[in-house]
Amino acid sequence: MSGNCVIQPYGFAGIYMLLAAGTVYALRIWRFAPWTRIAAMAICGAVLLIPVRGMPLYAYPYGLLGELSVTTSLLLAGVVLAALTGRGFITSRDRAFLFVPVCVLGTILYATGMSILPAGIYEAGFRPLWILALLLAWVLSGWMAGQPMAAGCVLAVVAAYSLRLLESDNLWDYLLDPILVMWSWGWGMTMLVRRMMNRT
C-alpha cells in the first residue's frame, strides 16, 4: 500500500461501520445516554481519520479487508442505528431471510476458490442477468412475506451494482464477502444450538 493510496468514500464507510458495530458490542453503548452513544460513534469516525505514517488509519484495515459488500455494510449500519436510537431495524426474521441464502451462496462461492466447484460460478457475476433475476425474485418474496427491511436490503444491493458503487464489477462482491459469510454461519450455528437446548 503506497503513501498516496486513494480510497473511495464507500471504503471508509464500510470500515467505519465495522469499527462502530464492534464498539457497540464491546462497550454495549445502548445502555448509555443518547448523547454518549452519538459521541462514541463520532469518536470512531475521528479515530479512523488519524494519520499514521502518511495515511489515515482506516487505510490499513481497508488494505487488509478490501471493500465490504453492500449487504454487510447495511447490516452493520442497522446495528449502529439500533444502538443510537434504541429501535431495532433488522428483526430476527430479516436476518434469517438474509443469512440462510448467504450461508448457502457463500459456501458455494468459496468452494469454487478451492476448486471443489467450477470457477464459472464466480465468473457469472460479471454478466449476472440470471443472478439479478434471482435477486429480484428474492426481493419480491421478501415483500410478500412481510419483511420489507430485508427485501429493501437486497434491492439496495441491486441498486448499488447498477450504480457501480464498488470498485469491483462482479455482482457477487456486492452481495457477500468473507465477513458476512462467517457472520451468517455464526448466526446459523447459534440458532441451531439454541434450538437443541430448547428441546432438552
Protein backbone atom coordinates (compact mmCIF):
# COMPACT_ATOMS: atom_id res chain seq x y z
CA MET A 1 0.00 0.00 0.00
CA SER A 2 1.60 3.25 -1.11
CA GLY A 3 1.58 6.54 0.76
CA ASN A 4 -0.70 8.14 -1.84
CA CYS A 5 -3.32 5.41 -1.57
CA VAL A 6 -6.71 6.80 -2.63
CA ILE A 7 -9.74 5.18 -1.04
CA GLN A 8 -13.28 5.75 -2.22
CA PRO A 9 -15.81 7.10 0.30
CA TYR A 10 -17.56 3.72 0.38
CA GLY A 11 -14.30 2.14 1.56
CA PHE A 12 -14.21 4.47 4.55
CA ALA A 13 -17.92 3.98 5.24
CA GLY A 14 -17.59 0.19 5.31
CA ILE A 15 -14.60 0.20 7.68
CA TYR A 16 -16.34 2.80 9.86
CA MET A 17 -19.46 0.64 10.15
CA LEU A 18 -17.31 -2.36 11.09
CA LEU A 19 -15.49 -0.42 13.82
CA ALA A 20 -18.68 1.27 15.05
CA ALA A 21 -20.57 -2.03 15.27
CA GLY A 22 -17.63 -3.57 17.14
CA THR A 23 -17.71 -0.63 19.56
CA VAL A 24 -21.45 -1.10 20.06
CA TYR A 25 -20.98 -4.68 21.23
CA ALA A 26 -17.69 -4.17 23.08
CA LEU A 27 -18.99 -1.25 25.17
CA ARG A 28 -22.70 -2.13 24.98
CA ILE A 29 -23.38 1.52 24.30
CA TRP A 30 -27.15 1.01 24.07
CA ARG A 31 -27.07 1.22 27.89
CA PHE A 32 -25.74 4.79 27.80
CA ALA A 33 -27.46 8.15 27.40
CA PRO A 34 -28.25 9.18 23.78
CA TRP A 35 -25.57 11.90 23.67
CA THR A 36 -22.96 9.38 24.87
CA ARG A 37 -23.91 6.98 22.07
CA ILE A 38 -23.55 9.73 19.48
CA ALA A 39 -20.21 10.78 20.94
CA ALA A 40 -18.94 7.19 20.80
CA MET A 41 -19.86 6.89 17.13
CA ALA A 42 -18.23 10.26 16.36
CA ILE A 43 -15.05 9.17 18.12
CA CYS A 44 -14.96 6.02 15.98
CA GLY A 45 -15.02 8.14 12.84
CA ALA A 46 -12.38 10.53 14.16
CA VAL A 47 -10.05 7.67 15.10
CA LEU A 48 -10.22 6.27 11.58
CA LEU A 49 -9.10 9.62 10.15
CA ILE A 50 -5.97 9.88 12.32
CA PRO A 51 -2.91 9.89 10.02
CA VAL A 52 -0.44 7.08 10.64
CA ARG A 53 2.78 7.07 8.59
CA GLY A 54 1.26 9.31 5.95
CA MET A 55 -2.08 7.52 5.60
CA PRO A 56 -5.38 7.68 7.53
CA LEU A 57 -5.81 4.82 9.94
CA TYR A 58 -8.73 3.35 8.00
CA ALA A 59 -6.42 2.68 5.05
CA TYR A 60 -4.79 -0.20 6.90
CA PRO A 61 -7.85 -2.39 7.62
CA TYR A 62 -9.13 -1.39 4.18
CA GLY A 63 -5.95 -2.70 2.60
CA LEU A 64 -6.39 -5.97 4.50
CA LEU A 65 -10.15 -6.47 4.08
CA GLY A 66 -10.89 -4.55 0.89
CA GLU A 67 -14.37 -3.17 0.28
CA LEU A 68 -17.12 -4.71 2.34
CA SER A 69 -20.16 -5.94 0.46
CA VAL A 70 -23.23 -3.71 0.37
CA THR A 71 -25.14 -6.33 2.37
CA THR A 72 -22.55 -6.32 5.15
CA SER A 73 -22.43 -2.53 5.31
CA LEU A 74 -26.23 -2.28 5.54
CA LEU A 75 -26.44 -4.88 8.31
CA LEU A 76 -23.67 -3.16 10.26
CA ALA A 77 -25.44 0.17 9.75
CA GLY A 78 -28.57 -1.45 11.21
CA VAL A 79 -26.58 -2.45 14.31
CA VAL A 80 -25.23 1.09 14.73
CA LEU A 81 -28.61 2.76 14.18
CA ALA A 82 -30.28 0.39 16.65
CA ALA A 83 -27.70 1.34 19.29
CA LEU A 84 -28.15 5.07 18.61
CA THR A 85 -31.94 5.12 18.51
CA GLY A 86 -32.87 2.18 20.73
CA ARG A 87 -35.02 0.84 17.92
CA GLY A 88 -34.30 -2.43 16.11
CA PHE A 89 -34.22 -2.10 12.33
CA ILE A 90 -33.31 -5.69 11.45
CA THR A 91 -35.57 -8.32 13.01
CA SER A 92 -34.70 -11.97 13.58
CA ARG A 93 -36.90 -12.86 10.60
CA ASP A 94 -34.99 -10.36 8.45
CA ARG A 95 -31.69 -11.93 9.50
CA ALA A 96 -32.99 -15.40 8.67
CA PHE A 97 -34.19 -14.16 5.27
CA LEU A 98 -30.71 -12.81 4.52
CA PHE A 99 -28.38 -15.16 6.37
CA VAL A 100 -29.73 -18.52 5.20
CA PRO A 101 -29.14 -17.82 1.48
CA VAL A 102 -25.80 -16.17 2.28
CA CYS A 103 -24.67 -19.34 4.09
CA VAL A 104 -25.52 -21.40 1.01
CA LEU A 105 -24.16 -18.96 -1.58
CA GLY A 106 -21.01 -18.24 0.41
CA THR A 107 -20.25 -21.93 0.79
CA ILE A 108 -20.73 -22.47 -2.95
CA LEU A 109 -18.59 -19.49 -3.95
CA TYR A 110 -15.71 -20.25 -1.63
CA ALA A 111 -15.83 -23.87 -2.71
CA THR A 112 -15.05 -22.58 -6.20
CA GLY A 113 -11.99 -20.84 -4.79
CA MET A 114 -10.74 -24.23 -3.58
CA SER A 115 -11.51 -25.77 -7.00
CA ILE A 116 -14.17 -28.03 -5.47
CA LEU A 117 -16.80 -26.48 -7.77
CA PRO A 118 -16.38 -24.90 -11.23
CA ALA A 119 -14.92 -21.38 -11.15
CA GLY A 120 -17.60 -20.25 -13.62
CA ILE A 121 -19.98 -19.65 -10.73
CA TYR A 122 -17.99 -16.60 -9.63
CA GLU A 123 -17.29 -15.55 -13.21
CA ALA A 124 -21.05 -15.41 -13.80
CA GLY A 125 -21.09 -12.37 -11.53
CA PHE A 126 -19.53 -10.30 -14.32
CA ARG A 127 -22.54 -10.96 -16.60
CA PRO A 128 -25.18 -11.51 -13.96
CA LEU A 129 -28.51 -11.44 -15.75
CA TRP A 130 -29.74 -14.66 -14.17
CA ILE A 131 -28.35 -13.65 -10.75
CA LEU A 132 -30.17 -10.30 -10.97
CA ALA A 133 -33.38 -12.12 -11.87
CA LEU A 134 -32.99 -14.35 -8.81
CA LEU A 135 -32.28 -11.34 -6.58
CA LEU A 136 -35.37 -9.51 -7.81
CA ALA A 137 -37.43 -12.65 -7.15
CA TRP A 138 -35.85 -12.69 -3.67
CA VAL A 139 -36.93 -9.07 -3.16
CA LEU A 140 -40.49 -9.87 -4.24
CA SER A 141 -40.69 -12.86 -1.91
CA GLY A 142 -39.49 -10.68 0.96
CA TRP A 143 -42.19 -8.07 0.35
CA MET A 144 -44.86 -10.76 0.07
CA ALA A 145 -43.63 -12.38 3.30
CA GLY A 146 -43.94 -9.06 5.16
CA GLN A 147 -40.20 -8.46 5.50
CA PRO A 148 -39.68 -5.09 3.77
CA MET A 149 -36.39 -4.29 5.52
CA ALA A 150 -34.72 -7.48 4.32
CA ALA A 151 -36.23 -7.08 0.85
CA GLY A 152 -35.03 -3.46 0.78
CA CYS A 153 -31.53 -4.61 1.69
CA VAL A 154 -31.41 -6.94 -1.30
CA LEU A 155 -32.86 -4.25 -3.54
CA ALA A 156 -30.14 -1.86 -2.32
CA VAL A 157 -27.53 -4.41 -3.44
CA VAL A 158 -29.03 -4.43 -6.93
CA ALA A 159 -29.16 -0.61 -6.99
CA ALA A 160 -25.54 -0.32 -5.81
CA TYR A 161 -24.44 -2.72 -8.53
CA SER A 162 -26.34 -0.71 -11.14
CA LEU A 163 -24.52 2.43 -9.95
CA ARG A 164 -21.17 0.59 -9.75
CA LEU A 165 -20.70 1.81 -6.19
CA LEU A 166 -17.80 -0.56 -5.56
CA GLU A 167 -14.53 -0.89 -7.41
CA SER A 168 -15.47 -4.45 -8.39
CA ASP A 169 -17.62 -5.18 -11.44
CA ASN A 170 -18.72 -8.55 -10.06
CA LEU A 171 -22.21 -8.73 -8.55
CA TRP A 172 -21.14 -11.37 -6.03
CA ASP A 173 -18.80 -8.81 -4.40
CA TYR A 174 -21.79 -6.51 -3.85
CA LEU A 175 -23.84 -9.32 -2.33
CA LEU A 176 -21.44 -11.00 0.08
CA ASP A 177 -17.92 -11.12 1.47
CA PRO A 178 -15.98 -13.37 3.90
CA ILE A 179 -17.08 -11.34 6.95
CA LEU A 180 -20.75 -11.71 6.02
CA VAL A 181 -20.39 -15.43 5.32
CA MET A 182 -18.70 -16.02 8.69
CA TRP A 183 -21.34 -13.86 10.39
CA SER A 184 -24.08 -15.88 8.71
CA TRP A 185 -22.57 -19.20 9.69
CA GLY A 186 -22.08 -17.98 13.25
CA TRP A 187 -25.72 -16.92 13.36
CA GLY A 188 -26.82 -20.27 11.95
CA MET A 189 -24.79 -22.25 14.48
CA THR A 190 -26.13 -20.09 17.33
CA MET A 191 -29.73 -20.69 16.19
CA LEU A 192 -29.05 -24.43 15.93
CA VAL A 193 -27.57 -24.62 19.44
CA ARG A 194 -30.49 -22.64 20.90
CA ARG A 195 -33.00 -24.92 19.22
CA MET A 196 -31.21 -28.01 20.51
CA MET A 197 -31.10 -26.58 24.04
CA ASN A 198 -34.82 -25.76 23.93
CA ARG A 199 -35.58 -29.37 23.11
CA THR A 200 -33.75 -30.67 26.16
